[in-house]
Amino acid sequence: MAHTAPTDHYLPNAAYELLLQAILNPTPSLDPRSQLIETLGEIGGLWPMSCLADRDPVQMAEADMSRTRRNLVNDLSDEDEAVLATIQKMVTENYAQQIELAKVELHS
């Protein structure tokens, strides 16, 4: 398996502190490895590339946009909607590329 340099991930300070606390003080409900995997994924949003192999890029992008829309305060103009549609298309293409990379990594 080829090793690639990791991408830096920046979390809000509160989420980062929560992640640190969860790693340093794990809940004893799972074995240590499973607990760390769950903590990194659920709190830190860090998952192995293999998790992407069976994902649908369109659904992933739609979920992202849905979260974004929930955070909007005002109604969007037609121009804003057009910009969001363009962003969603770009996000979908990006997810598709990531999924293809995950499939290649799984088979190497």
PDB file of N, CA and C in Angstrom:
ATOM      1  N   MET A   1       0.844  -1.164   0.000  1.00  0.00           N
ATOM      2  CA  MET A   1       0.000   0.000   0.000  1.00  0.00           C
ATOM      3  C   MET A   1       0.895   1.235   0.000  1.00  0.00           C
ATOM      4  N   ALA A   2       0.640   2.162  -0.890  1.00  0.00           N
ATOM      5  CA  ALA A   2       1.421   3.385  -0.983  1.00  0.00           C
ATOM      6  C   ALA A   2       1.050   4.334   0.148  1.00  0.00           C
ATOM      7  N   HIS A   3       2.066   4.986   0.682  1.00  0.00           N
ATOM      8  CA  HIS A   3       1.825   5.944   1.762  1.00  0.00           C
ATOM      9  C   HIS A   3       1.776   7.344   1.161  1.00  0.00           C
ATOM     10  N   THR A   4       0.748   8.082   1.506  1.00  0.00           N
ATOM     11  CA  THR A   4       0.641   9.465   1.071  1.00  0.00           C
ATOM     12  C   THR A   4       0.662  10.355   2.301  1.00  0.00           C
ATOM     13  N   ALA A   5       1.175  11.557   2.133  1.00  0.00           N
ATOM     14  CA  ALA A   5       1.223  12.492   3.253  1.00  0.00           C
ATOM     15  C   ALA A   5      -0.188  12.867   3.659  1.00  0.00           C
ATOM     16  N   PRO A   6      -0.455  12.896   4.960  1.00  0.00           N
ATOM     17  CA  PRO A   6      -1.806  13.258   5.402  1.00  0.00           C
ATOM     18  C   PRO A   6      -2.097  14.733   5.154  1.00  0.00           C
ATOM     19  N   THR A   7      -3.366  15.020   5.002  1.00  0.00           N
ATOM     20  CA  THR A   7      -3.836  16.390   4.886  1.00  0.00           C
ATOM     21  C   THR A   7      -4.094  16.912   6.291  1.00  0.00           C
ATOM     22  N   ASP A   8      -3.694  18.136   6.562  1.00  0.00           N
ATOM     23  CA  ASP A   8      -3.988  18.723   7.866  1.00  0.00           C
ATOM     24  C   ASP A   8      -5.486  18.942   8.004  1.00  0.00           C
ATOM     25  N   HIS A   9      -5.996  18.719   9.202  1.00  0.00           N
ATOM     26  CA  HIS A   9      -7.405  18.944   9.504  1.00  0.00           C
ATOM     27  C   HIS A   9      -7.477  19.899  10.689  1.00  0.00           C
ATOM     28  N   TYR A  10      -8.269  20.928  10.560  1.00  0.00           N
ATOM     29  CA  TYR A  10      -8.407  21.921  11.617  1.00  0.00           C
ATOM     30  C   TYR A  10      -9.811  21.830  12.199  1.00  0.00           C
ATOM     31  N   LEU A  11      -9.861  21.631  13.499  1.00  0.00           N
ATOM     32  CA  LEU A  11     -11.132  21.527  14.210  1.00  0.00           C
ATOM     33  C   LEU A  11     -11.344  22.797  15.038  1.00  0.00           C
ATOM     34  N   PRO A  12     -12.593  23.155  15.270  1.00  0.00           N
ATOM     35  CA  PRO A  12     -12.837  24.250  16.217  1.00  0.00           C
ATOM     36  C   PRO A  12     -12.206  23.888  17.561  1.00  0.00           C
ATOM     37  N   ASN A  13     -11.745  24.880  18.294  1.00  0.00           N
ATOM     38  CA  ASN A  13     -11.042  24.625  19.556  1.00  0.00           C
ATOM     39  C   ASN A  13     -11.848  23.752  20.504  1.00  0.00           C
ATOM     40  N   ALA A  14     -13.142  24.007  20.612  1.00  0.00           N
ATOM     41  CA  ALA A  14     -13.974  23.221  21.529  1.00  0.00           C
ATOM     42  C   ALA A  14     -14.020  21.751  21.096  1.00  0.00           C
ATOM     43  N   ALA A  15     -14.152  21.500  19.813  1.00  0.00           N
ATOM     44  CA  ALA A  15     -14.183  20.119  19.312  1.00  0.00           C
ATOM     45  C   ALA A  15     -12.835  19.437  19.512  1.00  0.00           C
ATOM     46  N   TYR A  16     -11.759  20.194  19.331  1.00  0.00           N
ATOM     47  CA  TYR A  16     -10.416  19.651  19.535  1.00  0.00           C
ATOM     48  C   TYR A  16     -10.221  19.250  21.003  1.00  0.00           C
ATOM     49  N   GLU A  17     -10.659  20.107  21.927  1.00  0.00           N
ATOM     50  CA  GLU A  17     -10.557  19.796  23.356  1.00  0.00           C
ATOM     51  C   GLU A  17     -11.404  18.576  23.703  1.00  0.00           C
ATOM     52  N   LEU A  18     -12.603  18.490  23.118  1.00  0.00           N
ATOM     53  CA  LEU A  18     -13.468  17.337  23.345  1.00  0.00           C
ATOM     54  C   LEU A  18     -12.794  16.061  22.848  1.00  0.00           C
ATOM     55  N   LEU A  19     -12.165  16.134  21.692  1.00  0.00           N
ATOM     56  CA  LEU A  19     -11.446  14.986  21.131  1.00  0.00           C
ATOM     57  C   LEU A  19     -10.309  14.572  22.055  1.00  0.00           C
ATOM     58  N   LEU A  20      -9.526  15.536  22.516  1.00  0.00           N
ATOM     59  CA  LEU A  20      -8.429  15.221  23.432  1.00  0.00           C
ATOM     60  C   LEU A  20      -8.940  14.552  24.705  1.00  0.00           C
ATOM     61  N   GLN A  21     -10.002  15.111  25.277  1.00  0.00           N
ATOM     62  CA  GLN A  21     -10.552  14.540  26.505  1.00  0.00           C
ATOM     63  C   GLN A  21     -11.069  13.122  26.279  1.00  0.00           C
ATOM     64  N   ALA A  22     -11.698  12.889  25.138  1.00  0.00           N
ATOM     65  CA  ALA A  22     -12.227  11.551  24.842  1.00  0.00           C
ATOM     66  C   ALA A  22     -11.096  10.544  24.646  1.00  0.00           C
ATOM     67  N   ILE A  23      -9.980  10.992  24.083  1.00  0.00           N
ATOM     68  CA  ILE A  23      -8.833  10.091  23.892  1.00  0.00           C
ATOM     69  C   ILE A  23      -8.153   9.816  25.238  1.00  0.00           C
ATOM     70  N   LEU A  24      -7.992  10.859  26.031  1.00  0.00           N
ATOM     71  CA  LEU A  24      -7.299  10.708  27.311  1.00  0.00           C
ATOM     72  C   LEU A  24      -8.149  10.012  28.375  1.00  0.00           C
ATOM     73  N   ASN A  25      -9.469  10.134  28.259  1.00  0.00           N
ATOM     74  CA  ASN A  25     -10.380   9.553  29.252  1.00  0.00           C
ATOM     75  C   ASN A  25     -11.460   8.743  28.548  1.00  0.00           C
ATOM     76  N   PRO A  26     -11.096   7.612  27.944  1.00  0.00           N
ATOM     77  CA  PRO A  26     -12.078   6.853  27.158  1.00  0.00           C
ATOM     78  C   PRO A  26     -13.172   6.232  28.017  1.00  0.00           C
ATOM     79  N   THR A  27     -14.333   6.081  27.402  1.00  0.00           N
ATOM     80  CA  THR A  27     -15.437   5.376  28.043  1.00  0.00           C
ATOM     81  C   THR A  27     -15.114   3.891  27.979  1.00  0.00           C
ATOM     82  N   PRO A  28     -15.196   3.175  29.094  1.00  0.00           N
ATOM     83  CA  PRO A  28     -14.774   1.771  29.102  1.00  0.00           C
ATOM     84  C   PRO A  28     -15.775   0.801  28.468  1.00  0.00           C
ATOM     85  N   SER A  29     -16.613   1.260  27.569  1.00  0.00           N
ATOM     86  CA  SER A  29     -17.640   0.389  26.995  1.00  0.00           C
ATOM     87  C   SER A  29     -17.127  -0.473  25.845  1.00  0.00           C
ATOM     88  N   LEU A  30     -16.029  -0.073  25.211  1.00  0.00           N
ATOM     89  CA  LEU A  30     -15.483  -0.814  24.074  1.00  0.00           C
ATOM     90  C   LEU A  30     -14.043  -1.204  24.352  1.00  0.00           C
ATOM     91  N   ASP A  31     -13.514  -2.115  23.540  1.00  0.00           N
ATOM     92  CA  ASP A  31     -12.095  -2.399  23.657  1.00  0.00           C
ATOM     93  C   ASP A  31     -11.326  -1.132  23.244  1.00  0.00           C
ATOM     94  N   PRO A  32     -10.092  -0.966  23.699  1.00  0.00           N
ATOM     95  CA  PRO A  32      -9.362   0.289  23.459  1.00  0.00           C
ATOM     96  C   PRO A  32      -9.262   0.690  21.984  1.00  0.00           C
ATOM     97  N   ARG A  33      -9.014  -0.258  21.100  1.00  0.00           N
ATOM     98  CA  ARG A  33      -8.883   0.072  19.676  1.00  0.00           C
ATOM     99  C   ARG A  33     -10.205   0.575  19.114  1.00  0.00           C
ATOM    100  N   SER A  34     -11.292  -0.126  19.401  1.00  0.00           N
ATOM    101  CA  SER A  34     -12.606   0.284  18.903  1.00  0.00           C
ATOM    102  C   SER A  34     -13.001   1.640  19.469  1.00  0.00           C
ATOM    103  N   GLN A  35     -12.670   1.872  20.735  1.00  0.00           N
ATOM    104  CA  GLN A  35     -12.985   3.155  21.366  1.00  0.00           C
ATOM    105  C   GLN A  35     -12.234   4.289  20.673  1.00  0.00           C
ATOM    106  N   LEU A  36     -10.958   4.067  20.365  1.00  0.00           N
ATOM    107  CA  LEU A  36     -10.169   5.096  19.695  1.00  0.00           C
ATOM    108  C   LEU A  36     -10.690   5.348  18.286  1.00  0.00           C
ATOM    109  N   ILE A  37     -11.044   4.298  17.570  1.00  0.00           N
ATOM    110  CA  ILE A  37     -11.604   4.443  16.220  1.00  0.00           C
ATOM    111  C   ILE A  37     -12.883   5.265  16.277  1.00  0.00           C
ATOM    112  N   GLU A  38     -13.768   4.933  17.217  1.00  0.00           N
ATOM    113  CA  GLU A  38     -15.033   5.656  17.349  1.00  0.00           C
ATOM    114  C   GLU A  38     -14.793   7.119  17.731  1.00  0.00           C
ATOM    115  N   THR A  39     -13.882   7.350  18.634  1.00  0.00           N
ATOM    116  CA  THR A  39     -13.583   8.716  19.081  1.00  0.00           C
ATOM    117  C   THR A  39     -13.025   9.545  17.941  1.00  0.00           C
ATOM    118  N   LEU A  40     -12.042   9.013  17.233  1.00  0.00           N
ATOM    119  CA  LEU A  40     -11.453   9.753  16.112  1.00  0.00           C
ATOM    120  C   LEU A  40     -12.483  10.045  15.036  1.00  0.00           C
ATOM    121  N   GLY A  41     -13.363   9.096  14.772  1.00  0.00           N
ATOM    122  CA  GLY A  41     -14.360   9.280  13.723  1.00  0.00           C
ATOM    123  C   GLY A  41     -15.502  10.177  14.130  1.00  0.00           C
ATOM    124  N   GLU A  42     -16.119   9.871  15.252  1.00  0.00           N
ATOM    125  CA  GLU A  42     -17.317  10.604  15.655  1.00  0.00           C
ATOM    126  C   GLU A  42     -17.018  12.018  16.136  1.00  0.00           C
ATOM    127  N   ILE A  43     -15.932  12.196  16.867  1.00  0.00           N
ATOM    128  CA  ILE A  43     -15.617  13.520  17.392  1.00  0.00           C
ATOM    129  C   ILE A  43     -14.685  14.276  16.462  1.00  0.00           C
ATOM    130  N   GLY A  44     -13.642  13.587  15.970  1.00  0.00           N
ATOM    131  CA  GLY A  44     -12.646  14.261  15.138  1.00  0.00           C
ATOM    132  C   GLY A  44     -12.945  14.265  13.657  1.00  0.00           C
ATOM    133  N   GLY A  45     -13.916  13.449  13.236  1.00  0.00           N
ATOM    134  CA  GLY A  45     -14.223  13.381  11.811  1.00  0.00           C
ATOM    135  C   GLY A  45     -13.099  12.751  11.002  1.00  0.00           C
ATOM    136  N   LEU A  46     -12.302  11.893  11.640  1.00  0.00           N
ATOM    137  CA  LEU A  46     -11.169  11.237  10.990  1.00  0.00           C
ATOM    138  C   LEU A  46     -11.504   9.769  10.754  1.00  0.00           C
ATOM    139  N   TRP A  47     -11.568   9.404   9.484  1.00  0.00           N
ATOM    140  CA  TRP A  47     -11.916   8.043   9.094  1.00  0.00           C
ATOM    141  C   TRP A  47     -10.909   7.548   8.069  1.00  0.00           C
ATOM    142  N   PRO A  48     -10.687   6.238   7.983  1.00  0.00           N
ATOM    143  CA  PRO A  48      -9.783   5.721   6.952  1.00  0.00           C
ATOM    144  C   PRO A  48     -10.417   5.853   5.561  1.00  0.00           C
ATOM    145  N   MET A  49      -9.560   5.984   4.560  1.00  0.00           N
ATOM    146  CA  MET A  49     -10.036   6.125   3.178  1.00  0.00           C
ATOM    147  C   MET A  49     -10.965   4.972   2.786  1.00  0.00           C
ATOM    148  N   SER A  50     -10.747   3.792   3.356  1.00  0.00           N
ATOM    149  CA  SER A  50     -11.566   2.631   2.989  1.00  0.00           C
ATOM    150  C   SER A  50     -13.048   2.856   3.268  1.00  0.00           C
ATOM    151  N   CYS A  51     -13.372   3.746   4.181  1.00  0.00           N
ATOM    152  CA  CYS A  51     -14.786   4.042   4.482  1.00  0.00           C
ATOM    153  C   CYS A  51     -15.486   4.727   3.311  1.00  0.00           C
ATOM    154  N   LEU A  52     -14.720   5.342   2.415  1.00  0.00           N
ATOM    155  CA  LEU A  52     -15.315   6.050   1.285  1.00  0.00           C
ATOM    156  C   LEU A  52     -15.677   5.142   0.123  1.00  0.00           C
ATOM    157  N   ALA A  53     -15.099   3.957   0.086  1.00  0.00           N
ATOM    158  CA  ALA A  53     -15.205   3.108  -1.099  1.00  0.00           C
ATOM    159  C   ALA A  53     -16.640   2.807  -1.519  1.00  0.00           C
ATOM    160  N   ASP A  54     -17.556   2.733  -0.577  1.00  0.00           N
ATOM    161  CA  ASP A  54     -18.937   2.378  -0.927  1.00  0.00           C
ATOM    162  C   ASP A  54     -19.899   3.549  -0.791  1.00  0.00           C
ATOM    163  N   ARG A  55     -19.372   4.761  -0.721  1.00  0.00           N
ATOM    164  CA  ARG A  55     -20.212   5.947  -0.542  1.00  0.00           C
ATOM    165  C   ARG A  55     -20.630   6.523  -1.897  1.00  0.00           C
ATOM    166  N   ASP A  56     -21.736   7.229  -1.908  1.00  0.00           N
ATOM    167  CA  ASP A  56     -22.244   7.886  -3.109  1.00  0.00           C
ATOM    168  C   ASP A  56     -21.882   9.373  -3.030  1.00  0.00           C
ATOM    169  N   PRO A  57     -21.078   9.873  -3.995  1.00  0.00           N
ATOM    170  CA  PRO A  57     -20.645  11.271  -3.914  1.00  0.00           C
ATOM    171  C   PRO A  57     -21.797  12.269  -3.967  1.00  0.00           C
ATOM    172  N   VAL A  58     -22.850  11.945  -4.694  1.00  0.00           N
ATOM    173  CA  VAL A  58     -23.995  12.861  -4.789  1.00  0.00           C
ATOM    174  C   VAL A  58     -24.673  12.978  -3.425  1.00  0.00           C
ATOM    175  N   GLN A  59     -24.879  11.853  -2.765  1.00  0.00           N
ATOM    176  CA  GLN A  59     -25.512  11.878  -1.446  1.00  0.00           C
ATOM    177  C   GLN A  59     -24.641  12.597  -0.433  1.00  0.00           C
ATOM    178  N   MET A  60     -23.322  12.407  -0.512  1.00  0.00           N
ATOM    179  CA  MET A  60     -22.418  13.077   0.418  1.00  0.00           C
ATOM    180  C   MET A  60     -22.487  14.593   0.230  1.00  0.00           C
ATOM    181  N   ALA A  61     -22.475  15.040  -1.024  1.00  0.00           N
ATOM    182  CA  ALA A  61     -22.541  16.475  -1.300  1.00  0.00           C
ATOM    183  C   ALA A  61     -23.883  17.052  -0.868  1.00  0.00           C
ATOM    184  N   GLU A  62     -24.957  16.313  -1.120  1.00  0.00           N
ATOM    185  CA  GLU A  62     -26.285  16.784  -0.705  1.00  0.00           C
ATOM    186  C   GLU A  62     -26.366  16.924   0.812  1.00  0.00           C
ATOM    187  N   ALA A  63     -25.763  15.999   1.534  1.00  0.00           N
ATOM    188  CA  ALA A  63     -25.766  16.082   2.999  1.00  0.00           C
ATOM    189  C   ALA A  63     -24.988  17.311   3.461  1.00  0.00           C
ATOM    190  N   ASP A  64     -23.846  17.568   2.816  1.00  0.00           N
ATOM    191  CA  ASP A  64     -23.064  18.765   3.152  1.00  0.00           C
ATOM    192  C   ASP A  64     -23.874  20.032   2.912  1.00  0.00           C
ATOM    193  N   MET A  65     -24.526  20.101   1.770  1.00  0.00           N
ATOM    194  CA  MET A  65     -25.291  21.299   1.426  1.00  0.00           C
ATOM    195  C   MET A  65     -26.497  21.449   2.353  1.00  0.00           C
ATOM    196  N   SER A  66     -27.081  20.338   2.739  1.00  0.00           N
ATOM    197  CA  SER A  66     -28.215  20.380   3.656  1.00  0.00           C
ATOM    198  C   SER A  66     -27.781  20.961   5.002  1.00  0.00           C
ATOM    199  N   ARG A  67     -26.600  20.530   5.492  1.00  0.00           N
ATOM    200  CA  ARG A  67     -26.067  21.097   6.741  1.00  0.00           C
ATOM    201  C   ARG A  67     -25.804  22.587   6.573  1.00  0.00           C
ATOM    202  N   THR A  68     -25.269  22.990   5.433  1.00  0.00           N
ATOM    203  CA  THR A  68     -24.980  24.399   5.170  1.00  0.00           C
ATOM    204  C   THR A  68     -26.260  25.212   5.180  1.00  0.00           C
ATOM    205  N   ARG A  69     -27.292  24.718   4.508  1.00  0.00           N
ATOM    206  CA  ARG A  69     -28.569  25.445   4.439  1.00  0.00           C
ATOM    207  C   ARG A  69     -29.201  25.614   5.821  1.00  0.00           C
ATOM    208  N   ARG A  70     -29.034  24.623   6.689  1.00  0.00           N
ATOM    209  CA  ARG A  70     -29.598  24.728   8.045  1.00  0.00           C
ATOM    210  C   ARG A  70     -28.948  25.871   8.823  1.00  0.00           C
ATOM    211  N   ASN A  71     -27.712  26.207   8.470  1.00  0.00           N
ATOM    212  CA  ASN A  71     -26.995  27.273   9.168  1.00  0.00           C
ATOM    213  C   ASN A  71     -27.278  28.658   8.594  1.00  0.00           C
ATOM    214  N   LEU A  72     -27.993  28.734   7.481  1.00  0.00           N
ATOM    215  CA  LEU A  72     -28.293  30.025   6.876  1.00  0.00           C
ATOM    216  C   LEU A  72     -29.458  30.689   7.612  1.00  0.00           C
ATOM    217  N   VAL A  73     -29.340  31.975   7.796  1.00  0.00           N
ATOM    218  CA  VAL A  73     -30.352  32.715   8.542  1.00  0.00           C
ATOM    219  C   VAL A  73     -31.433  33.272   7.623  1.00  0.00           C
ATOM    220  N   ASN A  74     -31.031  33.831   6.503  1.00  0.00           N
ATOM    221  CA  ASN A  74     -31.969  34.502   5.590  1.00  0.00           C
ATOM    222  C   ASN A  74     -32.280  33.633   4.377  1.00  0.00           C
ATOM    223  N   ASP A  75     -33.363  33.992   3.684  1.00  0.00           N
ATOM    224  CA  ASP A  75     -33.664  33.336   2.426  1.00  0.00           C
ATOM    225  C   ASP A  75     -32.592  33.699   1.412  1.00  0.00           C
ATOM    226  N   LEU A  76     -32.378  32.815   0.464  1.00  0.00           N
ATOM    227  CA  LEU A  76     -31.347  33.043  -0.541  1.00  0.00           C
ATOM    228  C   LEU A  76     -31.938  33.653  -1.800  1.00  0.00           C
ATOM    229  N   SER A  77     -31.173  34.531  -2.412  1.00  0.00           N
ATOM    230  CA  SER A  77     -31.580  35.085  -3.701  1.00  0.00           C
ATOM    231  C   SER A  77     -31.344  34.030  -4.778  1.00  0.00           C
ATOM    232  N   ASP A  78     -31.866  34.265  -5.961  1.00  0.00           N
ATOM    233  CA  ASP A  78     -31.634  33.348  -7.081  1.00  0.00           C
ATOM    234  C   ASP A  78     -30.143  33.230  -7.379  1.00  0.00           C
ATOM    235  N   GLU A  79     -29.444  34.346  -7.260  1.00  0.00           N
ATOM    236  CA  GLU A  79     -28.000  34.350  -7.512  1.00  0.00           C
ATOM    237  C   GLU A  79     -27.276  33.490  -6.470  1.00  0.00           C
ATOM    238  N   ASP A  80     -27.694  33.612  -5.208  1.00  0.00           N
ATOM    239  CA  ASP A  80     -27.104  32.783  -4.155  1.00  0.00           C
ATOM    240  C   ASP A  80     -27.379  31.305  -4.410  1.00  0.00           C
ATOM    241  N   GLU A  81     -28.594  30.998  -4.827  1.00  0.00           N
ATOM    242  CA  GLU A  81     -28.951  29.607  -5.133  1.00  0.00           C
ATOM    243  C   GLU A  81     -28.074  29.057  -6.259  1.00  0.00           C
ATOM    244  N   ALA A  82     -27.810  29.886  -7.262  1.00  0.00           N
ATOM    245  CA  ALA A  82     -26.961  29.462  -8.380  1.00  0.00           C
ATOM    246  C   ALA A  82     -25.540  29.180  -7.901  1.00  0.00           C
ATOM    247  N   VAL A  83     -25.045  30.025  -7.003  1.00  0.00           N
ATOM    248  CA  VAL A  83     -23.706  29.814  -6.455  1.00  0.00           C
ATOM    249  C   VAL A  83     -23.665  28.509  -5.657  1.00  0.00           C
ATOM    250  N   LEU A  84     -24.689  28.274  -4.833  1.00  0.00           N
ATOM    251  CA  LEU A  84     -24.737  27.027  -4.065  1.00  0.00           C
ATOM    252  C   LEU A  84     -24.817  25.801  -4.972  1.00  0.00           C
ATOM    253  N   ALA A  85     -25.549  25.906  -6.058  1.00  0.00           N
ATOM    254  CA  ALA A  85     -25.635  24.783  -7.005  1.00  0.00           C
ATOM    255  C   ALA A  85     -24.270  24.487  -7.617  1.00  0.00           C
ATOM    256  N   THR A  86     -23.526  25.527  -7.939  1.00  0.00           N
ATOM    257  CA  THR A  86     -22.178  25.347  -8.491  1.00  0.00           C
ATOM    258  C   THR A  86     -21.256  24.710  -7.461  1.00  0.00           C
ATOM    259  N   ILE A  87     -21.359  25.178  -6.220  1.00  0.00           N
ATOM    260  CA  ILE A  87     -20.540  24.605  -5.150  1.00  0.00           C
ATOM    261  C   ILE A  87     -20.892  23.138  -4.943  1.00  0.00           C
ATOM    262  N   GLN A  88     -22.179  22.818  -4.962  1.00  0.00           N
ATOM    263  CA  GLN A  88     -22.586  21.431  -4.772  1.00  0.00           C
ATOM    264  C   GLN A  88     -22.017  20.550  -5.879  1.00  0.00           C
ATOM    265  N   LYS A  89     -22.007  21.040  -7.106  1.00  0.00           N
ATOM    266  CA  LYS A  89     -21.439  20.263  -8.211  1.00  0.00           C
ATOM    267  C   LYS A  89     -19.945  20.024  -7.977  1.00  0.00           C
ATOM    268  N   MET A  90     -19.237  21.058  -7.536  1.00  0.00           N
ATOM    269  CA  MET A  90     -17.803  20.926  -7.278  1.00  0.00           C
ATOM    270  C   MET A  90     -17.546  19.955  -6.120  1.00  0.00           C
ATOM    271  N   VAL A  91     -18.356  20.028  -5.072  1.00  0.00           N
ATOM    272  CA  VAL A  91     -18.196  19.138  -3.927  1.00  0.00           C
ATOM    273  C   VAL A  91     -18.461  17.696  -4.358  1.00  0.00           C
ATOM    274  N   THR A  92     -19.482  17.484  -5.181  1.00  0.00           N
ATOM    275  CA  THR A  92     -19.795  16.143  -5.678  1.00  0.00           C
ATOM    276  C   THR A  92     -18.619  15.582  -6.462  1.00  0.00           C
ATOM    277  N   GLU A  93     -18.030  16.395  -7.338  1.00  0.00           N
ATOM    278  CA  GLU A  93     -16.872  15.943  -8.128  1.00  0.00           C
ATOM    279  C   GLU A  93     -15.688  15.618  -7.220  1.00  0.00           C
ATOM    280  N   ASN A  94     -15.492  16.440  -6.190  1.00  0.00           N
ATOM    281  CA  ASN A  94     -14.399  16.195  -5.257  1.00  0.00           C
ATOM    282  C   ASN A  94     -14.619  14.879  -4.514  1.00  0.00           C
ATOM    283  N   TYR A  95     -15.836  14.642  -4.035  1.00  0.00           N
ATOM    284  CA  TYR A  95     -16.129  13.381  -3.364  1.00  0.00           C
ATOM    285  C   TYR A  95     -15.935  12.197  -4.314  1.00  0.00           C
ATOM    286  N   ALA A  96     -16.334  12.341  -5.545  1.00  0.00           N
ATOM    287  CA  ALA A  96     -16.152  11.256  -6.514  1.00  0.00           C
ATOM    288  C   ALA A  96     -14.672  10.915  -6.665  1.00  0.00           C
ATOM    289  N   GLN A  97     -13.821  11.932  -6.719  1.00  0.00           N
ATOM    290  CA  GLN A  97     -12.379  11.694  -6.816  1.00  0.00           C
ATOM    291  C   GLN A  97     -11.851  11.002  -5.567  1.00  0.00           C
ATOM    292  N   GLN A  98     -12.297  11.439  -4.396  1.00  0.00           N
ATOM    293  CA  GLN A  98     -11.853  10.812  -3.154  1.00  0.00           C
ATOM    294  C   GLN A  98     -12.283   9.354  -3.079  1.00  0.00           C
ATOM    295  N   ILE A  99     -13.494   9.066  -3.540  1.00  0.00           N
ATOM    296  CA  ILE A  99     -13.997   7.696  -3.514  1.00  0.00           C
ATOM    297  C   ILE A  99     -13.179   6.815  -4.455  1.00  0.00           C
ATOM    298  N   GLU A 100     -12.847   7.333  -5.623  1.00  0.00           N
ATOM    299  CA  GLU A 100     -12.020   6.567  -6.560  1.00  0.00           C
ATOM    300  C   GLU A 100     -10.634   6.281  -5.953  1.00  0.00           C
ATOM    301  N   LEU A 101     -10.042   7.266  -5.281  1.00  0.00           N
ATOM    302  CA  LEU A 101      -8.761   7.060  -4.610  1.00  0.00           C
ATOM    303  C   LEU A 101      -8.882   5.998  -3.530  1.00  0.00           C
ATOM    304  N   ALA A 102      -9.983   6.014  -2.798  1.00  0.00           N
ATOM    305  CA  ALA A 102     -10.195   5.009  -1.753  1.00  0.00           C
ATOM    306  C   ALA A 102     -10.290   3.616  -2.356  1.00  0.00           C
ATOM    307  N   LYS A 103     -10.958   3.486  -3.488  1.00  0.00           N
ATOM    308  CA  LYS A 103     -11.083   2.176  -4.149  1.00  0.00           C
ATOM    309  C   LYS A 103      -9.737   1.687  -4.621  1.00  0.00           C
ATOM    310  N   VAL A 104      -8.921   2.582  -5.170  1.00  0.00           N
ATOM    311  CA  VAL A 104      -7.580   2.206  -5.625  1.00  0.00           C
ATOM    312  C   VAL A 104      -6.744   1.752  -4.438  1.00  0.00           C
ATOM    313  N   GLU A 105      -6.819   2.499  -3.338  1.00  0.00           N
ATOM    314  CA  GLU A 105      -6.050   2.145  -2.143  1.00  0.00           C
ATOM    315  C   GLU A 105      -6.469   0.794  -1.584  1.00  0.00           C
ATOM    316  N   LEU A 106      -7.759   0.501  -1.636  1.00  0.00           N
ATOM    317  CA  LEU A 106      -8.241  -0.795  -1.135  1.00  0.00           C
ATOM    318  C   LEU A 106      -7.704  -1.965  -1.944  1.00  0.00           C
ATOM    319  N   HIS A 107      -7.494  -1.739  -3.226  1.00  0.00           N
ATOM    320  CA  HIS A 107      -7.082  -2.831  -4.108  1.00  0.00           C
ATOM    321  C   HIS A 107      -5.577  -2.867  -4.346  1.00  0.00           C
ATOM    322  N   SER A 108      -4.817  -2.048  -3.615  1.00  0.00           N
ATOM    323  CA  SER A 108      -3.361  -2.080  -3.814  1.00  0.00           C
ATOM    324  C   SER A 108      -2.674  -2.728  -2.650  1.00  0.00           C
TER     325      SER A 108
END
